[in-house]
């Protein structure tokens, strides 16, 4: 199972690097969000392999899940409870 998980992570990283990274990283650099992007990619002393890429993927997946959860909450929200009609008073209770 551990090898399959490693293969899945490797494939996701390669797909992300080929398709999405060039769209996302410039925006992250302009924002200066150093937690998920290296501001100086040539700084090899403080780099952990694939750490920033993994964080970018996790943030993107979390953002998509957050949007889906919000849409689900909007679509499935309960309508405000209608006010109950006042029940007729019993002749026993006074």
N, C-alpha and C. Protein backbone atom coordinates (compact mmCIF):
# COMPACT_ATOMS: atom_id res chain seq x y z
N UNK A 1 0.83 -1.20 0.00
CA UNK A 1 0.00 0.00 0.00
C UNK A 1 0.88 1.26 0.00
N UNK A 2 1.99 1.20 0.72
CA UNK A 2 2.86 2.35 0.80
C UNK A 2 3.46 2.70 -0.56
N UNK A 3 3.81 1.70 -1.33
CA UNK A 3 4.36 1.95 -2.66
C UNK A 3 3.32 2.55 -3.60
N UNK A 4 2.08 2.09 -3.50
CA UNK A 4 1.02 2.65 -4.34
C UNK A 4 0.81 4.12 -4.00
N UNK A 5 0.81 4.44 -2.70
CA UNK A 5 0.62 5.81 -2.28
C UNK A 5 1.75 6.70 -2.81
N UNK A 6 2.98 6.20 -2.75
CA UNK A 6 4.12 6.95 -3.27
C UNK A 6 4.00 7.17 -4.78
N UNK A 7 3.53 6.16 -5.50
CA UNK A 7 3.34 6.31 -6.94
C UNK A 7 2.25 7.32 -7.26
N UNK A 8 1.17 7.30 -6.48
CA UNK A 8 0.08 8.25 -6.70
C UNK A 8 0.58 9.67 -6.46
N UNK A 9 1.32 9.89 -5.38
CA UNK A 9 1.85 11.23 -5.10
C UNK A 9 2.78 11.68 -6.21
N UNK A 10 3.60 10.78 -6.71
CA UNK A 10 4.54 11.14 -7.78
C UNK A 10 3.78 11.53 -9.05
N UNK A 11 2.74 10.77 -9.39
CA UNK A 11 1.96 11.09 -10.59
C UNK A 11 1.23 12.42 -10.44
N UNK A 12 0.68 12.68 -9.25
CA UNK A 12 -0.02 13.95 -9.02
C UNK A 12 0.96 15.11 -9.12
N UNK A 13 2.14 14.96 -8.55
CA UNK A 13 3.15 16.03 -8.63
C UNK A 13 3.54 16.30 -10.08
N UNK A 14 3.74 15.25 -10.85
CA UNK A 14 4.12 15.45 -12.26
C UNK A 14 2.99 16.12 -13.04
N UNK A 15 1.77 15.69 -12.82
CA UNK A 15 0.63 16.30 -13.51
C UNK A 15 0.51 17.77 -13.12
N UNK A 16 0.67 18.05 -11.83
CA UNK A 16 0.58 19.43 -11.35
C UNK A 16 1.69 20.29 -11.98
N UNK A 17 2.90 19.76 -12.00
CA UNK A 17 4.03 20.51 -12.56
C UNK A 17 3.84 20.77 -14.05
N UNK A 18 3.28 19.81 -14.76
CA UNK A 18 3.09 19.98 -16.20
C UNK A 18 1.92 20.88 -16.55
N UNK A 19 0.87 20.89 -15.76
CA UNK A 19 -0.37 21.55 -16.15
C UNK A 19 -0.73 22.81 -15.38
N UNK A 20 -0.47 22.85 -14.09
CA UNK A 20 -1.03 23.93 -13.27
C UNK A 20 0.03 24.85 -12.66
N UNK A 21 1.20 24.35 -12.38
CA UNK A 21 2.19 25.12 -11.65
C UNK A 21 2.48 26.47 -12.30
N UNK A 22 2.62 26.51 -13.60
CA UNK A 22 2.95 27.77 -14.28
C UNK A 22 1.82 28.79 -14.19
N UNK A 23 0.61 28.34 -13.92
CA UNK A 23 -0.51 29.27 -13.75
C UNK A 23 -0.60 29.80 -12.33
N UNK A 24 -0.20 28.99 -11.36
CA UNK A 24 -0.40 29.32 -9.95
C UNK A 24 0.79 30.05 -9.33
N UNK A 25 1.99 29.58 -9.59
CA UNK A 25 3.17 30.11 -8.90
C UNK A 25 3.42 31.60 -9.10
N UNK A 26 3.24 32.16 -10.30
CA UNK A 26 3.48 33.62 -10.42
C UNK A 26 2.57 34.44 -9.50
N UNK A 27 1.32 34.01 -9.35
CA UNK A 27 0.41 34.73 -8.46
C UNK A 27 0.83 34.60 -7.00
N UNK A 28 1.29 33.42 -6.63
CA UNK A 28 1.75 33.22 -5.25
C UNK A 28 3.00 34.03 -4.97
N UNK A 29 3.87 34.19 -5.97
CA UNK A 29 5.08 35.00 -5.78
C UNK A 29 4.74 36.47 -5.62
N UNK A 30 3.76 36.96 -6.37
CA UNK A 30 3.39 38.37 -6.24
C UNK A 30 2.72 38.64 -4.89
N UNK A 31 1.98 37.66 -4.39
CA UNK A 31 1.36 37.81 -3.08
C UNK A 31 2.43 37.72 -1.98
N UNK A 32 3.44 36.89 -2.22
CA UNK A 32 4.49 36.71 -1.21
C UNK A 32 4.13 35.67 -0.18
N UNK A 33 3.37 34.67 -0.58
CA UNK A 33 2.93 33.60 0.31
C UNK A 33 4.05 32.57 0.40
N UNK A 34 5.03 32.83 1.26
CA UNK A 34 6.25 32.02 1.30
C UNK A 34 6.04 30.63 1.88
N UNK A 35 4.90 30.39 2.51
CA UNK A 35 4.64 29.05 3.06
C UNK A 35 4.49 28.02 1.96
N UNK A 36 3.96 28.44 0.81
CA UNK A 36 3.73 27.47 -0.26
C UNK A 36 4.50 27.75 -1.55
N UNK A 37 5.35 28.76 -1.56
CA UNK A 37 6.16 29.00 -2.75
C UNK A 37 7.53 29.53 -2.32
N UNK A 38 8.56 29.07 -3.02
CA UNK A 38 9.91 29.57 -2.76
C UNK A 38 10.08 30.90 -3.46
N UNK A 39 10.42 31.92 -2.69
CA UNK A 39 10.64 33.22 -3.30
C UNK A 39 11.95 33.24 -4.07
N UNK A 40 12.90 32.43 -3.65
CA UNK A 40 14.18 32.30 -4.35
C UNK A 40 14.39 30.82 -4.67
N UNK A 41 13.98 30.35 -5.83
CA UNK A 41 14.09 28.93 -6.15
C UNK A 41 15.52 28.42 -6.30
N UNK A 42 16.49 29.34 -6.35
CA UNK A 42 17.88 28.90 -6.47
C UNK A 42 18.54 28.70 -5.11
N UNK A 43 17.83 28.92 -4.02
CA UNK A 43 18.36 28.74 -2.68
C UNK A 43 18.28 27.27 -2.30
N UNK A 44 19.33 26.53 -2.58
CA UNK A 44 19.30 25.08 -2.37
C UNK A 44 19.66 24.68 -0.94
N UNK A 45 20.08 25.63 -0.11
CA UNK A 45 20.44 25.29 1.26
C UNK A 45 19.21 25.04 2.13
N UNK A 46 18.12 25.72 1.85
CA UNK A 46 16.93 25.63 2.69
C UNK A 46 15.76 24.93 2.01
N UNK A 47 16.03 24.14 0.98
CA UNK A 47 14.96 23.52 0.21
C UNK A 47 14.78 22.06 0.63
N UNK A 48 13.53 21.70 0.84
CA UNK A 48 13.19 20.28 1.02
C UNK A 48 12.47 19.85 -0.25
N UNK A 49 12.90 18.76 -0.80
CA UNK A 49 12.39 18.31 -2.09
C UNK A 49 10.87 18.12 -2.05
N UNK A 50 10.17 18.76 -2.96
CA UNK A 50 8.72 18.65 -3.16
C UNK A 50 7.87 19.18 -2.01
N UNK A 51 8.45 19.81 -1.01
CA UNK A 51 7.66 20.31 0.11
C UNK A 51 6.69 21.41 -0.33
N UNK A 52 7.18 22.37 -1.06
CA UNK A 52 6.33 23.49 -1.50
C UNK A 52 5.30 23.02 -2.53
N UNK A 53 5.69 22.09 -3.38
CA UNK A 53 4.74 21.56 -4.36
C UNK A 53 3.61 20.82 -3.65
N UNK A 54 3.94 20.02 -2.65
CA UNK A 54 2.90 19.32 -1.90
C UNK A 54 1.97 20.30 -1.21
N UNK A 55 2.52 21.35 -0.66
CA UNK A 55 1.68 22.35 0.01
C UNK A 55 0.76 23.05 -0.98
N UNK A 56 1.27 23.36 -2.17
CA UNK A 56 0.43 24.00 -3.19
C UNK A 56 -0.72 23.08 -3.58
N UNK A 57 -0.43 21.80 -3.77
CA UNK A 57 -1.48 20.85 -4.15
C UNK A 57 -2.51 20.74 -3.04
N UNK A 58 -2.07 20.67 -1.80
CA UNK A 58 -3.00 20.56 -0.67
C UNK A 58 -3.87 21.80 -0.58
N UNK A 59 -3.29 22.99 -0.75
CA UNK A 59 -4.08 24.22 -0.70
C UNK A 59 -5.10 24.28 -1.82
N UNK A 60 -4.74 23.86 -3.01
CA UNK A 60 -5.68 23.88 -4.13
C UNK A 60 -6.82 22.90 -3.88
N UNK A 61 -6.50 21.70 -3.43
CA UNK A 61 -7.54 20.71 -3.13
C UNK A 61 -8.45 21.20 -2.00
N UNK A 62 -7.86 21.79 -0.97
CA UNK A 62 -8.66 22.31 0.14
C UNK A 62 -9.57 23.45 -0.32
N UNK A 63 -9.08 24.31 -1.21
CA UNK A 63 -9.90 25.41 -1.72
C UNK A 63 -11.07 24.88 -2.53
N UNK A 64 -10.82 23.88 -3.37
CA UNK A 64 -11.89 23.28 -4.16
C UNK A 64 -12.93 22.62 -3.25
N UNK A 65 -12.46 21.90 -2.24
CA UNK A 65 -13.39 21.26 -1.29
C UNK A 65 -14.19 22.30 -0.52
N UNK A 66 -13.56 23.42 -0.17
CA UNK A 66 -14.26 24.48 0.54
C UNK A 66 -15.38 25.07 -0.33
N UNK A 67 -15.08 25.28 -1.61
CA UNK A 67 -16.10 25.81 -2.52
C UNK A 67 -17.25 24.82 -2.67
N UNK A 68 -16.94 23.54 -2.82
CA UNK A 68 -17.99 22.53 -2.95
C UNK A 68 -18.84 22.44 -1.68
N UNK A 69 -18.19 22.52 -0.52
CA UNK A 69 -18.94 22.47 0.73
C UNK A 69 -19.86 23.67 0.86
N UNK A 70 -19.37 24.85 0.48
CA UNK A 70 -20.18 26.06 0.54
C UNK A 70 -21.38 25.96 -0.41
N UNK A 71 -21.14 25.47 -1.62
CA UNK A 71 -22.23 25.30 -2.58
C UNK A 71 -23.25 24.28 -2.07
N UNK A 72 -22.75 23.21 -1.46
CA UNK A 72 -23.66 22.19 -0.91
C UNK A 72 -24.50 22.79 0.21
N UNK A 73 -23.88 23.58 1.08
CA UNK A 73 -24.63 24.22 2.16
C UNK A 73 -25.69 25.17 1.62
N UNK A 74 -25.37 25.89 0.56
CA UNK A 74 -26.37 26.78 -0.02
C UNK A 74 -27.51 26.01 -0.66
N UNK A 75 -27.18 24.92 -1.33
CA UNK A 75 -28.21 24.15 -2.03
C UNK A 75 -29.10 23.37 -1.08
N UNK A 76 -28.55 22.92 0.02
CA UNK A 76 -29.30 22.05 0.93
C UNK A 76 -29.71 22.74 2.22
N UNK A 77 -29.66 24.04 2.26
CA UNK A 77 -30.03 24.75 3.48
C UNK A 77 -31.51 24.58 3.76
N UNK A 78 -31.82 24.40 5.01
CA UNK A 78 -33.22 24.28 5.38
C UNK A 78 -33.86 25.65 5.33
N UNK A 79 -35.09 25.66 4.87
CA UNK A 79 -35.80 26.93 4.83
C UNK A 79 -36.18 27.31 6.26
N UNK A 80 -36.35 28.57 6.52
CA UNK A 80 -36.72 28.97 7.88
C UNK A 80 -38.03 28.29 8.27
N UNK A 81 -38.08 27.86 9.48
CA UNK A 81 -39.27 27.15 9.94
C UNK A 81 -40.48 28.08 9.92
N UNK A 82 -41.53 27.56 9.37
CA UNK A 82 -42.76 28.35 9.34
C UNK A 82 -43.33 28.42 10.75
N UNK A 83 -43.91 29.54 11.06
CA UNK A 83 -44.49 29.67 12.39
C UNK A 83 -45.68 28.75 12.50
N UNK A 84 -45.73 28.09 13.63
CA UNK A 84 -46.84 27.17 13.86
C UNK A 84 -48.11 27.98 14.12
N UNK A 85 -49.19 27.48 13.55
CA UNK A 85 -50.47 28.13 13.81
C UNK A 85 -50.81 27.87 15.28
N UNK A 86 -51.34 28.88 15.90
CA UNK A 86 -51.65 28.71 17.32
C UNK A 86 -52.73 27.65 17.46
N UNK A 87 -52.44 26.73 18.32
CA UNK A 87 -53.39 25.62 18.55
C UNK A 87 -54.60 26.15 19.30
N UNK A 88 -55.76 25.60 19.00
CA UNK A 88 -56.95 26.06 19.73
C UNK A 88 -56.80 25.73 21.21
N UNK A 89 -57.21 26.65 22.03
CA UNK A 89 -57.08 26.44 23.46
C UNK A 89 -58.09 25.40 23.91
N UNK A 90 -57.63 24.62 24.78
CA UNK A 90 -58.50 23.57 25.32
C UNK A 90 -59.43 24.20 26.36
N UNK A 91 -60.59 23.66 26.44
CA UNK A 91 -61.51 24.19 27.43
C UNK A 91 -61.12 23.69 28.82
N UNK A 92 -60.19 22.70 28.86
CA UNK A 92 -59.75 22.20 30.17
C UNK A 92 -58.73 23.18 30.77
N UNK A 93 -57.85 23.71 29.95
CA UNK A 93 -56.85 24.65 30.45
C UNK A 93 -57.43 26.04 30.45
N UNK A 94 -57.30 26.70 31.56
CA UNK A 94 -57.78 28.08 31.63
C UNK A 94 -56.71 29.01 32.08
